């Protein structure tokens, strides 16, 4: 049966993960695949993976993760910030992969019709612990406890003054596009980060949550009629429910994380029809 499937955080810089991606295949030739970010830090690897997947699945939809936005010293492409993002969009479009800059496609298979909405809204340090009232306090606490995301070194927000300033621009533009959808149209929202704060409560290091989303999206699953919200980033694959809406964390994660699990790594999560 045709299905809408999802996965994220492929991190194919790890050879074991690359082999898993090489083995990913649809159950049916008409299956769609949602890829919720963190394929790789290097543009050539992203292109390789999405090219492979786009040849196998009827449609691939990509939402960028923070690792794609890094300007890694090992990457041949040294673009930064918004310029890097638009370069990645061009790479995806050349492969026929849907990006957050493209018209939102409509899934008409089982469980549809629903509009598939890939998002790129970043984070703004608002997922803070109770000890931190401001961004600066939250960052100071994270540094003091040695819980610091590599974004602080490799993710550059040019031309914006900060990642949170870029986030505000992305949120405003995305809200404008979402508000233009026909009233009541059902959606599947696909973002690298969770749209609500609750999934981050289980993090081993709660200080890390400031790099995991923005409170500005806390009601999007309700305002924009989501049938499901797909995300990754946390590397804690699971299903949760928020305000009656199903949230699916679909990450593969690093080998050290998936090796101890009893379930086989790289299993695609079925989003629709509801399993």
Protein backbone atom coordinates (compact mmCIF):
# COMPACT_ATOMS: atom_id res chain seq x y z
CA UNK A 1 0.00 0.00 0.00
CA UNK A 2 1.18 3.50 -0.83
CA UNK A 3 2.51 5.37 2.21
CA UNK A 4 3.90 8.69 3.32
CA UNK A 5 7.17 7.83 5.11
CA UNK A 6 9.73 9.84 7.07
CA UNK A 7 13.26 9.77 8.45
CA UNK A 8 15.81 12.33 9.66
CA UNK A 9 19.30 12.75 11.09
CA UNK A 10 20.94 10.34 8.66
CA UNK A 11 24.42 11.71 9.43
CA UNK A 12 26.01 9.89 6.52
CA UNK A 13 29.49 11.05 7.49
CA UNK A 14 29.42 7.83 9.51
CA UNK A 15 30.07 4.87 7.20
CA UNK A 16 27.55 2.68 9.00
CA UNK A 17 24.86 5.30 8.45
CA UNK A 18 25.81 5.67 4.80
CA UNK A 19 25.29 1.93 4.32
CA UNK A 20 21.87 2.24 5.96
CA UNK A 21 20.91 5.00 3.53
CA UNK A 22 22.12 2.85 0.61
CA UNK A 23 19.61 0.21 1.74
CA UNK A 24 16.59 2.54 2.16
CA UNK A 25 13.83 1.63 -0.26
CA UNK A 26 10.12 2.28 -0.58
CA UNK A 27 7.61 -0.46 0.11
CA UNK A 28 5.70 0.72 -2.95
CA UNK A 29 7.00 2.71 -5.96
CA UNK A 30 4.47 5.46 -5.22
CA UNK A 31 5.69 6.08 -1.64
CA UNK A 32 6.77 9.58 -0.65
CA UNK A 33 9.67 10.25 1.73
CA UNK A 34 10.01 13.16 4.16
CA UNK A 35 13.62 13.89 5.17
CA UNK A 36 13.67 16.15 8.23
CA UNK A 37 17.24 17.38 8.12
CA UNK A 38 20.77 16.52 9.18
CA UNK A 39 21.66 14.38 6.20
CA UNK A 40 25.26 15.63 6.26
CA UNK A 41 27.50 18.61 6.93
CA UNK A 42 28.91 18.44 3.41
CA UNK A 43 27.01 19.53 0.34
CA UNK A 44 28.36 16.70 -1.84
CA UNK A 45 27.11 14.12 0.67
CA UNK A 46 23.68 15.76 0.85
CA UNK A 47 23.49 15.70 -2.94
CA UNK A 48 24.52 12.04 -3.06
CA UNK A 49 21.93 10.95 -0.50
CA UNK A 50 19.01 12.95 -1.88
CA UNK A 51 19.87 11.93 -5.44
CA UNK A 52 19.78 8.28 -4.40
CA UNK A 53 16.50 8.65 -2.50
CA UNK A 54 14.80 10.74 -5.18
CA UNK A 55 15.45 7.97 -7.72
CA UNK A 56 13.74 5.43 -5.47
CA UNK A 57 10.79 7.33 -4.01
CA UNK A 58 8.00 8.97 -5.99
CA UNK A 59 8.66 12.26 -4.19
CA UNK A 60 11.21 13.40 -1.62
CA UNK A 61 10.58 16.40 0.63
CA UNK A 62 13.52 17.94 2.54
CA UNK A 63 13.60 20.28 5.52
CA UNK A 64 17.13 21.42 6.47
CA UNK A 65 18.76 20.62 9.77
CA UNK A 66 21.43 22.51 11.63
CA UNK A 67 24.21 20.24 10.29
CA UNK A 68 23.40 21.16 6.68
CA UNK A 69 23.71 24.80 7.70
CA UNK A 70 27.19 24.38 9.20
CA UNK A 71 30.12 25.82 7.28
CA UNK A 72 32.39 22.90 8.07
CA UNK A 73 36.11 23.29 7.32
CA UNK A 74 36.10 19.92 5.54
CA UNK A 75 33.34 20.97 3.13
CA UNK A 76 34.32 22.13 -0.34
CA UNK A 77 31.42 24.61 -0.19
CA UNK A 78 32.31 27.37 2.27
CA UNK A 79 29.15 29.46 1.88
CA UNK A 80 27.61 30.81 5.09
CA UNK A 81 24.18 31.52 6.48
CA UNK A 82 21.36 32.45 4.13
CA UNK A 83 23.62 32.18 1.09
CA UNK A 84 24.40 28.58 2.04
CA UNK A 85 20.73 27.80 2.56
CA UNK A 86 19.76 29.08 -0.88
CA UNK A 87 22.61 27.09 -2.43
CA UNK A 88 21.23 23.92 -0.80
CA UNK A 89 17.78 24.77 -2.13
CA UNK A 90 19.22 24.95 -5.66
CA UNK A 91 20.93 21.57 -5.19
CA UNK A 92 17.65 20.01 -4.09
CA UNK A 93 15.62 21.58 -6.88
CA UNK A 94 18.05 20.18 -9.46
CA UNK A 95 17.24 16.72 -8.04
CA UNK A 96 13.48 17.31 -8.01
CA UNK A 97 13.44 17.38 -4.19
CA UNK A 98 10.87 19.68 -2.56
CA UNK A 99 12.27 22.34 -0.21
CA UNK A 100 10.73 24.93 2.14
CA UNK A 101 11.03 27.47 -0.69
CA UNK A 102 8.82 25.52 -3.09
CA UNK A 103 5.04 25.25 -3.48
CA UNK A 104 3.74 22.85 -0.86
CA UNK A 105 2.80 19.51 -2.45
CA UNK A 106 -0.44 17.70 -1.65
CA UNK A 107 -0.38 14.05 -0.62
CA UNK A 108 -3.42 12.38 -2.17
CA UNK A 109 -2.62 8.83 -1.09
CA UNK A 110 -4.18 6.94 1.82
CA UNK A 111 -4.94 9.29 4.69
CA UNK A 112 -5.03 12.29 2.35
CA UNK A 113 -5.47 14.72 0.92
CA UNK A 114 -3.07 16.70 3.11
CA UNK A 115 -0.66 19.51 2.29
CA UNK A 116 2.96 18.63 3.08
CA UNK A 117 4.76 21.64 4.58
CA UNK A 118 8.57 21.50 4.88
CA UNK A 119 9.77 24.16 7.31
CA UNK A 120 12.99 26.03 8.02
CA UNK A 121 12.52 28.19 11.10
CA UNK A 122 15.69 27.59 13.17
CA UNK A 123 15.74 28.34 16.94
CA UNK A 124 15.96 31.42 19.15
CA UNK A 125 17.16 30.23 22.57
CA UNK A 126 13.65 30.44 24.08
CA UNK A 127 13.59 26.79 25.22
CA UNK A 128 15.37 27.84 28.41
CA UNK A 129 15.68 26.14 31.79
CA UNK A 130 14.03 27.85 34.81
CA UNK A 131 17.43 29.07 35.99
CA UNK A 132 17.88 31.23 32.88
CA UNK A 133 15.63 34.23 32.21
CA UNK A 134 17.46 35.45 29.10
CA UNK A 135 19.40 34.12 26.13
CA UNK A 136 22.67 35.31 27.64
CA UNK A 137 21.94 33.57 30.93
CA UNK A 138 20.98 30.37 29.12
CA UNK A 139 24.19 30.39 27.08
CA UNK A 140 26.30 31.11 30.15
CA UNK A 141 24.69 28.18 31.97
CA UNK A 142 25.27 25.86 29.00
CA UNK A 143 28.93 26.86 28.74
CA UNK A 144 29.41 26.48 32.50
CA UNK A 145 28.07 22.94 32.33
CA UNK A 146 30.00 22.13 29.12
CA UNK A 147 26.81 21.48 27.16
CA UNK A 148 27.35 23.57 24.04
CA UNK A 149 26.02 22.88 20.55
CA UNK A 150 28.59 22.98 17.74
CA UNK A 151 26.27 25.47 16.04
CA UNK A 152 27.93 28.14 18.16
CA UNK A 153 31.11 27.55 16.13
CA UNK A 154 29.98 26.39 12.69
CA UNK A 155 26.48 27.80 12.05
CA UNK A 156 26.79 31.37 10.79
CA UNK A 157 23.69 33.58 10.46
CA UNK A 158 24.87 36.02 7.76
CA UNK A 159 23.45 38.46 6.77
CA UNK A 160 21.61 38.55 10.10
CA UNK A 161 23.18 39.62 13.37
CA UNK A 162 22.37 36.34 15.14
CA UNK A 163 20.67 33.00 14.66
CA UNK A 164 17.68 34.21 16.69
CA UNK A 165 17.33 37.24 14.42
CA UNK A 166 17.38 34.92 11.40
CA UNK A 167 14.83 32.72 13.16
CA UNK A 168 12.46 35.67 13.57
CA UNK A 169 12.63 36.39 9.83
CA UNK A 170 12.05 32.74 8.93
CA UNK A 171 9.10 32.44 11.33
CA UNK A 172 7.42 35.56 9.92
CA UNK A 173 7.86 34.46 6.30
CA UNK A 174 6.68 30.92 7.02
CA UNK A 175 3.64 32.13 8.95
CA UNK A 176 2.71 34.28 5.96
CA UNK A 177 2.81 31.28 3.63
CA UNK A 178 0.93 29.02 6.04
CA UNK A 179 -1.77 31.64 6.58
CA UNK A 180 -2.29 31.74 2.81
CA UNK A 181 -3.38 28.08 2.74
CA UNK A 182 -7.14 27.54 2.30
CA UNK A 183 -8.89 27.64 5.71
CA UNK A 184 -9.13 24.23 7.35
CA UNK A 185 -6.87 22.42 4.89
CA UNK A 186 -5.14 19.53 6.72
CA UNK A 187 -1.35 19.57 6.81
CA UNK A 188 1.69 17.53 7.76
CA UNK A 189 4.31 19.90 9.18
CA UNK A 190 7.92 18.78 8.62
CA UNK A 191 10.64 20.55 10.58
CA UNK A 192 14.06 19.56 11.85
CA UNK A 193 13.25 20.88 15.31
CA UNK A 194 10.19 20.06 17.41
CA UNK A 195 7.53 22.74 17.05
CA UNK A 196 6.67 22.53 20.75
CA UNK A 197 8.88 22.53 23.82
CA UNK A 198 7.54 19.34 25.46
CA UNK A 199 9.67 16.77 23.54
CA UNK A 200 12.85 18.38 24.86
CA UNK A 201 11.88 17.69 28.50
CA UNK A 202 13.49 14.24 28.27
CA UNK A 203 16.93 15.52 27.24
CA UNK A 204 19.71 14.22 29.46
CA UNK A 205 21.14 17.75 29.46
CA UNK A 206 18.21 20.20 29.62
CA UNK A 207 20.54 23.12 28.92
CA UNK A 208 20.83 21.85 25.32
CA UNK A 209 17.16 22.65 24.63
CA UNK A 210 17.99 26.24 23.68
CA UNK A 211 19.31 24.89 20.36
CA UNK A 212 16.15 22.83 19.75
CA UNK A 213 13.44 25.20 18.56
CA UNK A 214 11.43 28.32 19.25
CA UNK A 215 8.36 29.13 21.32
CA UNK A 216 7.07 31.09 18.32
CA UNK A 217 5.87 27.81 16.74
CA UNK A 218 4.15 26.44 19.86
CA UNK A 219 0.62 26.67 18.42
CA UNK A 220 1.34 25.98 14.74
CA UNK A 221 0.10 22.39 14.91
CA UNK A 222 -3.30 23.77 15.97
CA UNK A 223 -3.42 26.99 13.94
CA UNK A 224 -2.46 25.21 10.73
CA UNK A 225 -4.55 22.08 11.17
CA UNK A 226 -1.76 19.52 11.40
CA UNK A 227 -2.64 15.85 11.05
CA UNK A 228 0.93 15.14 12.15
CA UNK A 229 4.16 16.99 12.91
CA UNK A 230 7.40 15.33 11.83
CA UNK A 231 10.76 16.30 13.34
CA UNK A 232 14.20 15.03 14.34
CA UNK A 233 17.24 16.68 15.93
CA UNK A 234 16.78 15.16 19.40
CA UNK A 235 17.91 11.67 18.32
CA UNK A 236 15.12 10.23 20.49
CA UNK A 237 12.81 8.46 18.02
CA UNK A 238 9.30 8.17 19.43
CA UNK A 239 5.66 9.15 19.03
CA UNK A 240 4.08 11.74 21.32
CA UNK A 241 0.76 13.57 21.30
CA UNK A 242 0.29 17.28 21.94
CA UNK A 243 -3.17 18.86 21.93
CA UNK A 244 -4.43 15.74 20.17
CA UNK A 245 -1.87 16.03 17.34
CA UNK A 246 0.62 13.25 16.66
CA UNK A 247 4.28 14.27 16.77
CA UNK A 248 6.81 11.87 15.24
CA UNK A 249 10.53 12.10 16.02
CA UNK A 250 12.01 10.10 13.14
CA UNK A 251 15.79 10.34 13.56
CA UNK A 252 18.33 7.64 12.78
CA UNK A 253 21.04 9.35 14.86
CA UNK A 254 24.66 8.43 15.48
CA UNK A 255 25.81 4.78 15.48
CA UNK A 256 26.63 4.96 19.20
CA UNK A 257 22.98 5.85 19.80
CA UNK A 258 21.22 3.31 17.59
CA UNK A 259 23.53 0.32 18.19
CA UNK A 260 22.16 -0.46 21.70
CA UNK A 261 18.52 -0.39 20.55
CA UNK A 262 16.62 -3.59 19.94
CA UNK A 263 14.92 -2.25 16.81
CA UNK A 264 16.80 -2.31 13.48
CA UNK A 265 18.28 1.11 12.58
CA UNK A 266 16.99 3.11 9.65
CA UNK A 267 13.40 1.94 9.66
CA UNK A 268 11.23 4.46 7.86
CA UNK A 269 8.38 5.85 9.98
CA UNK A 270 4.94 5.67 8.42
CA UNK A 271 3.13 9.00 8.76
CA UNK A 272 0.11 8.29 6.55
CA UNK A 273 -2.03 6.35 6.50
CA UNK A 274 -1.97 6.38 10.30
CA UNK A 275 -0.38 3.04 11.25
